Amino acid sequence: MSRAPENPLVTGAERLGLPLGEPALRAFGIYTRELMEWSARFNLTGHRSRRAIEIYHYLDSLSLFQTGCLRPGQDLLDVGSGAGFPALPLKILEPSLRVTLLDASRKKGIFLRHLLRTLGMQDVVVVTARVEDYAHARAAAYDLVLSRAVANVEKLCGWSAPLLRKGGLFLLQKSRAAAEELSRIVPALGVAGLRVREVLPLKVPFLARPRSVIIIEKTGC
């Protein structure tokens, strides 16, 4: 008798210590359906298969729980959210998070608003703007600022620092080692009232390439 094919999302979440209940599985199923349908018309993601979406988007996002920095009821800003990663998978597993999804793309904003209506998800706001412009609107409003595949840590942190409360954290996911980049920008981060707490390797089930997260704390006002 042949074995049932492995479900990477279910198996991967279990490996992360995050078993998925029926409400979460239902939400991820809707998310996948809508993302695949919209990506057939708009370029929302380069990963178009269910398996790729579950590994490269959902499990990669959920790996941030390994940091120990996520707490119930936090105010969270996702910069360059795109199709909702990493914030929405985190929100599915921790519904008490209050989330702002920030992206400059109007097309992605339309998708996100549609997705939130379809999911019936509460306490999530979609903002279509650049982070350097939005930073003036919500000073010291967030406990966490998240971003995936950060191209320039110094610029993102400089633009976003006013949005964090004192003691708040950046969680910045990277595909490559960040030590060399950080060695160049530590002085600039200090001027902005920030300090690097640690660079933490992330284990993403079924993903062979290395992933890490830079954790940066806001120490100044």
C-alpha atoms as a PDB file:
ATOM      1  CA  MET A   1       0.000   0.000   0.000  1.00  0.00           C
ATOM      2  CA  SER A   2       1.455   3.380  -1.032  1.00  0.00           C
ATOM      3  CA  ARG A   3       2.057   6.046   1.607  1.00  0.00           C
ATOM      4  CA  ALA A   4       0.148   9.345   1.497  1.00  0.00           C
ATOM      5  CA  PRO A   5       2.336  12.209   0.227  1.00  0.00           C
ATOM      6  CA  GLU A   6       3.973  14.260   2.960  1.00  0.00           C
ATOM      7  CA  ASN A   7       2.367  17.629   3.682  1.00  0.00           C
ATOM      8  CA  PRO A   8       5.313  20.031   4.097  1.00  0.00           C
ATOM      9  CA  LEU A   9       3.305  22.629   6.003  1.00  0.00           C
ATOM     10  CA  VAL A  10       1.945  20.199   8.597  1.00  0.00           C
ATOM     11  CA  THR A  11       5.201  18.272   8.965  1.00  0.00           C
ATOM     12  CA  GLY A  12       7.347  21.404   8.926  1.00  0.00           C
ATOM     13  CA  ALA A  13       5.227  23.189  11.521  1.00  0.00           C
ATOM     14  CA  GLU A  14       5.477  20.134  13.797  1.00  0.00           C
ATOM     15  CA  ARG A  15       9.267  20.218  13.425  1.00  0.00           C
ATOM     16  CA  LEU A  16       9.169  23.853  14.514  1.00  0.00           C
ATOM     17  CA  GLY A  17       7.127  22.874  17.570  1.00  0.00           C
ATOM     18  CA  LEU A  18       4.023  24.548  16.119  1.00  0.00           C
ATOM     19  CA  PRO A  19       1.332  21.902  15.546  1.00  0.00           C
ATOM     20  CA  LEU A  20      -1.463  23.281  13.377  1.00  0.00           C
ATOM     21  CA  GLY A  21      -5.075  23.042  14.517  1.00  0.00           C
ATOM     22  CA  GLU A  22      -8.074  22.974  12.216  1.00  0.00           C
ATOM     23  CA  PRO A  23      -8.619  26.793  12.167  1.00  0.00           C
ATOM     24  CA  ALA A  24      -4.983  27.388  11.154  1.00  0.00           C
ATOM     25  CA  LEU A  25      -5.098  24.690   8.466  1.00  0.00           C
ATOM     26  CA  ARG A  26      -8.288  26.197   7.084  1.00  0.00           C
ATOM     27  CA  ALA A  27      -6.754  29.686   7.014  1.00  0.00           C
ATOM     28  CA  PHE A  28      -3.584  28.478   5.286  1.00  0.00           C
ATOM     29  CA  GLY A  29      -5.704  26.610   2.750  1.00  0.00           C
ATOM     30  CA  ILE A  30      -7.613  29.779   1.883  1.00  0.00           C
ATOM     31  CA  TYR A  31      -4.372  31.767   1.762  1.00  0.00           C
ATOM     32  CA  THR A  32      -2.817  29.282  -0.691  1.00  0.00           C
ATOM     33  CA  ARG A  33      -5.896  29.190  -2.915  1.00  0.00           C
ATOM     34  CA  GLU A  34      -6.138  32.970  -3.146  1.00  0.00           C
ATOM     35  CA  LEU A  35      -2.397  33.457  -3.638  1.00  0.00           C
ATOM     36  CA  MET A  36      -2.267  30.907  -6.462  1.00  0.00           C
ATOM     37  CA  GLU A  37      -5.340  32.371  -8.177  1.00  0.00           C
ATOM     38  CA  TRP A  38      -4.111  35.959  -7.950  1.00  0.00           C
ATOM     39  CA  SER A  39      -0.565  35.050  -8.955  1.00  0.00           C
ATOM     40  CA  ALA A  40      -1.928  33.627 -12.195  1.00  0.00           C
ATOM     41  CA  ARG A  41      -2.927  37.205 -13.096  1.00  0.00           C
ATOM     42  CA  PHE A  42      -0.492  39.341 -11.097  1.00  0.00           C
ATOM     43  CA  ASN A  43       3.131  38.817 -10.142  1.00  0.00           C
ATOM     44  CA  LEU A  44       2.618  38.389  -6.389  1.00  0.00           C
ATOM     45  CA  THR A  45       5.185  35.631  -5.887  1.00  0.00           C
ATOM     46  CA  GLY A  46       7.684  33.668  -7.922  1.00  0.00           C
ATOM     47  CA  HIS A  47       6.648  30.482  -6.113  1.00  0.00           C
ATOM     48  CA  ARG A  48       3.509  29.159  -7.775  1.00  0.00           C
ATOM     49  CA  SER A  49       3.142  25.566  -6.526  1.00  0.00           C
ATOM     50  CA  ARG A  50       1.439  24.674  -3.250  1.00  0.00           C
ATOM     51  CA  ARG A  51       4.583  22.959  -1.933  1.00  0.00           C
ATOM     52  CA  ALA A  52       6.831  25.930  -2.758  1.00  0.00           C
ATOM     53  CA  ILE A  53       4.407  28.387  -1.137  1.00  0.00           C
ATOM     54  CA  GLU A  54       4.235  26.290   2.026  1.00  0.00           C
ATOM     55  CA  ILE A  55       8.033  26.001   2.320  1.00  0.00           C
ATOM     56  CA  TYR A  56       9.379  29.306   0.996  1.00  0.00           C
ATOM     57  CA  HIS A  57       6.618  31.510   2.433  1.00  0.00           C
ATOM     58  CA  TYR A  58       4.729  29.867   5.301  1.00  0.00           C
ATOM     59  CA  LEU A  59       7.483  27.829   6.985  1.00  0.00           C
ATOM     60  CA  ASP A  60      10.072  30.536   6.369  1.00  0.00           C
ATOM     61  CA  SER A  61       7.755  33.040   8.082  1.00  0.00           C
ATOM     62  CA  LEU A  62       6.919  30.703  10.963  1.00  0.00           C
ATOM     63  CA  SER A  63      10.626  30.116  11.623  1.00  0.00           C
ATOM     64  CA  LEU A  64      10.644  33.533  13.355  1.00  0.00           C
ATOM     65  CA  PHE A  65       8.986  31.889  16.356  1.00  0.00           C
ATOM     66  CA  GLN A  66      12.434  30.380  17.010  1.00  0.00           C
ATOM     67  CA  THR A  67      13.676  33.821  18.090  1.00  0.00           C
ATOM     68  CA  GLY A  68      11.492  33.842  21.211  1.00  0.00           C
ATOM     69  CA  CYS A  69      10.724  37.500  20.490  1.00  0.00           C
ATOM     70  CA  LEU A  70       7.059  37.088  19.520  1.00  0.00           C
ATOM     71  CA  ARG A  71       4.537  37.576  22.326  1.00  0.00           C
ATOM     72  CA  PRO A  72       0.712  37.632  22.430  1.00  0.00           C
ATOM     73  CA  GLY A  73      -0.832  41.060  21.905  1.00  0.00           C
ATOM     74  CA  GLN A  74       2.209  42.763  20.353  1.00  0.00           C
ATOM     75  CA  ASP A  75       1.930  45.555  17.792  1.00  0.00           C
ATOM     76  CA  LEU A  76       3.796  44.385  14.714  1.00  0.00           C
ATOM     77  CA  LEU A  77       4.793  46.200  11.516  1.00  0.00           C
ATOM     78  CA  ASP A  78       5.740  44.188   8.417  1.00  0.00           C
ATOM     79  CA  VAL A  79       7.821  46.394   6.078  1.00  0.00           C
ATOM     80  CA  GLY A  80       7.754  45.411   2.412  1.00  0.00           C
ATOM     81  CA  SER A  81       5.061  42.887   3.216  1.00  0.00           C
ATOM     82  CA  GLY A  82       4.403  41.901  -0.400  1.00  0.00           C
ATOM     83  CA  ALA A  83       1.771  39.164  -0.298  1.00  0.00           C
ATOM     84  CA  GLY A  84       1.736  39.200   3.520  1.00  0.00           C
ATOM     85  CA  PHE A  85       4.993  37.568   4.564  1.00  0.00           C
ATOM     86  CA  PRO A  86       6.112  37.024   7.231  1.00  0.00           C
ATOM     87  CA  ALA A  87       3.374  38.722   9.271  1.00  0.00           C
ATOM     88  CA  LEU A  88       0.209  36.896   8.174  1.00  0.00           C
ATOM     89  CA  PRO A  89       1.452  33.332   8.835  1.00  0.00           C
ATOM     90  CA  LEU A  90       2.540  34.556  12.282  1.00  0.00           C
ATOM     91  CA  LYS A  91      -0.889  36.106  12.816  1.00  0.00           C
ATOM     92  CA  ILE A  92      -2.622  32.855  11.821  1.00  0.00           C
ATOM     93  CA  LEU A  93      -0.801  31.047  14.620  1.00  0.00           C
ATOM     94  CA  GLU A  94      -0.974  33.918  17.130  1.00  0.00           C
ATOM     95  CA  PRO A  95      -4.295  35.696  16.441  1.00  0.00           C
ATOM     96  CA  SER A  96      -3.777  38.238  19.251  1.00  0.00           C
ATOM     97  CA  LEU A  97      -1.011  40.019  17.289  1.00  0.00           C
ATOM     98  CA  ARG A  98      -2.001  43.467  16.007  1.00  0.00           C
ATOM     99  CA  VAL A  99      -0.492  43.744  12.548  1.00  0.00           C
ATOM    100  CA  THR A 100       0.233  46.493  10.027  1.00  0.00           C
ATOM    101  CA  LEU A 101       1.201  45.371   6.516  1.00  0.00           C
ATOM    102  CA  LEU A 102       3.215  48.080   4.748  1.00  0.00           C
ATOM    103  CA  ASP A 103       4.088  47.929   1.058  1.00  0.00           C
ATOM    104  CA  ALA A 104       4.477  50.555  -1.660  1.00  0.00           C
ATOM    105  CA  SER A 105       2.714  48.391  -4.276  1.00  0.00           C
ATOM    106  CA  ARG A 106      -0.939  49.279  -4.820  1.00  0.00           C
ATOM    107  CA  LYS A 107      -1.540  45.903  -6.508  1.00  0.00           C
ATOM    108  CA  LYS A 108      -0.288  44.001  -3.475  1.00  0.00           C
ATOM    109  CA  GLY A 109      -2.372  46.193  -1.192  1.00  0.00           C
ATOM    110  CA  ILE A 110      -5.502  45.284  -3.160  1.00  0.00           C
ATOM    111  CA  PHE A 111      -4.676  41.586  -2.840  1.00  0.00           C
ATOM    112  CA  LEU A 112      -4.031  41.848   0.892  1.00  0.00           C
ATOM    113  CA  ARG A 113      -7.308  43.639   1.577  1.00  0.00           C
ATOM    114  CA  HIS A 114      -9.177  40.998  -0.437  1.00  0.00           C
ATOM    115  CA  LEU A 115      -7.370  38.215   1.435  1.00  0.00           C
ATOM    116  CA  LEU A 116      -8.163  39.704   4.849  1.00  0.00           C
ATOM    117  CA  ARG A 117     -11.861  39.971   3.956  1.00  0.00           C
ATOM    118  CA  THR A 118     -11.854  36.362   2.746  1.00  0.00           C
ATOM    119  CA  LEU A 119     -10.124  35.139   5.894  1.00  0.00           C
ATOM    120  CA  GLY A 120     -12.266  37.315   8.168  1.00  0.00           C
ATOM    121  CA  MET A 121      -9.071  38.343   9.934  1.00  0.00           C
ATOM    122  CA  GLN A 122      -9.263  41.101  12.551  1.00  0.00           C
ATOM    123  CA  ASP A 123      -6.688  43.602  13.841  1.00  0.00           C
ATOM    124  CA  VAL A 124      -4.763  43.823  10.565  1.00  0.00           C
ATOM    125  CA  VAL A 125      -4.263  47.105   8.697  1.00  0.00           C
ATOM    126  CA  VAL A 126      -2.936  47.401   5.132  1.00  0.00           C
ATOM    127  CA  VAL A 127      -0.978  50.562   4.312  1.00  0.00           C
ATOM    128  CA  THR A 128       0.181  51.425   0.800  1.00  0.00           C
ATOM    129  CA  ALA A 129       3.192  53.682   1.306  1.00  0.00           C
ATOM    130  CA  ARG A 130       6.969  53.795   1.463  1.00  0.00           C
ATOM    131  CA  VAL A 131       8.410  53.210   4.921  1.00  0.00           C
ATOM    132  CA  GLU A 132      10.327  56.500   4.896  1.00  0.00           C
ATOM    133  CA  ASP A 133       7.020  58.344   4.409  1.00  0.00           C
ATOM    134  CA  TYR A 134       4.997  56.226   6.845  1.00  0.00           C
ATOM    135  CA  ALA A 135       7.558  56.664   9.633  1.00  0.00           C
ATOM    136  CA  HIS A 136       6.303  60.201  10.268  1.00  0.00           C
ATOM    137  CA  ALA A 137       2.705  59.031  10.770  1.00  0.00           C
ATOM    138  CA  ARG A 138       3.039  56.432  13.568  1.00  0.00           C
ATOM    139  CA  ALA A 139       5.925  57.360  15.852  1.00  0.00           C
ATOM    140  CA  ALA A 140       6.757  54.792  18.566  1.00  0.00           C
ATOM    141  CA  ALA A 141       3.713  52.684  17.641  1.00  0.00           C
ATOM    142  CA  TYR A 142       5.247  49.204  17.341  1.00  0.00           C
ATOM    143  CA  ASP A 143       6.882  46.525  19.470  1.00  0.00           C
ATOM    144  CA  LEU A 144       8.332  44.701  16.466  1.00  0.00           C
ATOM    145  CA  VAL A 145       9.309  45.647  12.920  1.00  0.00           C
ATOM    146  CA  LEU A 146       9.742  42.689  10.540  1.00  0.00           C
ATOM    147  CA  SER A 147      11.148  42.437   7.046  1.00  0.00           C
ATOM    148  CA  ARG A 148      12.262  39.569   4.790  1.00  0.00           C
ATOM    149  CA  ALA A 149      15.234  39.536   2.418  1.00  0.00           C
ATOM    150  CA  VAL A 150      16.369  42.985   3.523  1.00  0.00           C
ATOM    151  CA  ALA A 151      18.476  44.585   0.805  1.00  0.00           C
ATOM    152  CA  ASN A 152      19.965  47.363   2.939  1.00  0.00           C
ATOM    153  CA  VAL A 153      19.802  46.970   6.712  1.00  0.00           C
ATOM    154  CA  GLU A 154      21.176  50.440   7.443  1.00  0.00           C
ATOM    155  CA  LYS A 155      18.581  52.260   5.331  1.00  0.00           C
ATOM    156  CA  LEU A 156      15.645  50.165   6.540  1.00  0.00           C
ATOM    157  CA  CYS A 157      16.601  50.631  10.184  1.00  0.00           C
ATOM    158  CA  GLY A 158      17.231  54.348   9.739  1.00  0.00           C
ATOM    159  CA  TRP A 159      13.855  54.892   8.106  1.00  0.00           C
ATOM    160  CA  SER A 160      11.950  52.613  10.497  1.00  0.00           C
ATOM    161  CA  ALA A 161      13.585  53.456  13.850  1.00  0.00           C
ATOM    162  CA  PRO A 162      11.037  56.197  14.700  1.00  0.00           C
ATOM    163  CA  LEU A 163       8.253  53.601  14.415  1.00  0.00           C
ATOM    164  CA  LEU A 164       9.634  51.385  17.192  1.00  0.00           C
ATOM    165  CA  ARG A 165       8.998  51.899  20.871  1.00  0.00           C
ATOM    166  CA  LYS A 166      12.020  52.008  23.151  1.00  0.00           C
ATOM    167  CA  GLY A 167      13.062  48.409  23.743  1.00  0.00           C
ATOM    168  CA  GLY A 168      11.333  47.354  20.532  1.00  0.00           C
ATOM    169  CA  LEU A 169      13.014  45.010  18.070  1.00  0.00           C
ATOM    170  CA  PHE A 170      13.743  44.656  14.391  1.00  0.00           C
ATOM    171  CA  LEU A 171      13.582  41.047  13.129  1.00  0.00           C
ATOM    172  CA  LEU A 172      15.256  41.128   9.729  1.00  0.00           C
ATOM    173  CA  GLN A 173      15.442  37.873   7.772  1.00  0.00           C
ATOM    174  CA  LYS A 174      18.430  37.332   5.486  1.00  0.00           C
ATOM    175  CA  SER A 175      19.407  34.635   3.001  1.00  0.00           C
ATOM    176  CA  ARG A 176      23.150  35.139   3.413  1.00  0.00           C
ATOM    177  CA  ALA A 177      25.496  35.687   6.302  1.00  0.00           C
ATOM    178  CA  ALA A 178      25.067  39.197   7.676  1.00  0.00           C
ATOM    179  CA  ALA A 179      28.292  39.596   9.684  1.00  0.00           C
ATOM    180  CA  GLU A 180      30.206  41.546   7.034  1.00  0.00           C
ATOM    181  CA  GLU A 181      27.333  43.974   6.383  1.00  0.00           C
ATOM    182  CA  LEU A 182      26.774  44.551  10.099  1.00  0.00           C
ATOM    183  CA  SER A 183      30.447  45.250  10.772  1.00  0.00           C
ATOM    184  CA  ARG A 184      30.183  48.244   8.422  1.00  0.00           C
ATOM    185  CA  ILE A 185      26.979  49.729   9.801  1.00  0.00           C
ATOM    186  CA  VAL A 186      27.179  49.238  13.580  1.00  0.00           C
ATOM    187  CA  PRO A 187      28.343  52.874  14.132  1.00  0.00           C
ATOM    188  CA  ALA A 188      25.432  54.222  12.073  1.00  0.00           C
ATOM    189  CA  LEU A 189      22.967  52.058  13.984  1.00  0.00           C
ATOM    190  CA  GLY A 190      24.332  53.443  17.243  1.00  0.00           C
ATOM    191  CA  VAL A 191      23.701  56.999  16.062  1.00  0.00           C
ATOM    192  CA  ALA A 192      20.072  56.004  15.385  1.00  0.00           C
ATOM    193  CA  GLY A 193      19.718  54.626  18.944  1.00  0.00           C
ATOM    194  CA  LEU A 194      19.935  50.987  17.844  1.00  0.00           C
ATOM    195  CA  ARG A 195      22.159  48.054  18.760  1.00  0.00           C
ATOM    196  CA  VAL A 196      22.577  44.605  17.277  1.00  0.00           C
ATOM    197  CA  ARG A 197      21.410  42.062  19.855  1.00  0.00           C
ATOM    198  CA  GLU A 198      22.341  38.942  17.861  1.00  0.00           C
ATOM    199  CA  VAL A 199      22.378  37.229  14.482  1.00  0.00           C
ATOM    200  CA  LEU A 200      20.487  33.965  14.839  1.00  0.00           C
ATOM    201  CA  PRO A 201      20.543  31.076  12.330  1.00  0.00           C
ATOM    202  CA  LEU A 202      17.052  29.927  11.421  1.00  0.00           C
ATOM    203  CA  LYS A 203      16.077  26.333  10.742  1.00  0.00           C
ATOM    204  CA  VAL A 204      13.425  26.230   8.020  1.00  0.00           C
ATOM    205  CA  PRO A 205      12.124  22.692   7.409  1.00  0.00           C
ATOM    206  CA  PHE A 206      12.619  21.432   3.823  1.00  0.00           C
ATOM    207  CA  LEU A 207      14.691  24.504   2.908  1.00  0.00           C
ATOM    208  CA  ALA A 208      18.308  23.718   2.044  1.00  0.00           C
ATOM    209  CA  ARG A 209      19.657  27.258   1.713  1.00  0.00           C
ATOM    210  CA  PRO A 210      20.820  29.102   4.844  1.00  0.00           C
ATOM    211  CA  ARG A 211      18.503  31.561   6.597  1.00  0.00           C
ATOM    212  CA  SER A 212      19.225  33.878   9.500  1.00  0.00           C
ATOM    213  CA  VAL A 213      17.584  36.726  11.369  1.00  0.00           C
ATOM    214  CA  ILE A 214      19.264  39.913  12.543  1.00  0.00           C
ATOM    215  CA  ILE A 215      17.765  41.052  15.844  1.00  0.00           C
ATOM    216  CA  ILE A 216      18.282  44.765  16.462  1.00  0.00           C
ATOM    217  CA  GLU A 217      17.037  46.552  19.577  1.00  0.00           C
ATOM    218  CA  LYS A 218      15.992  50.182  19.899  1.00  0.00           C
ATOM    219  CA  THR A 219      17.828  51.474  22.948  1.00  0.00           C
ATOM    220  CA  GLY A 220      17.245  55.209  22.479  1.00  0.00           C
ATOM    221  CA  CYS A 221      14.072  57.271  22.417  1.00  0.00           C
END
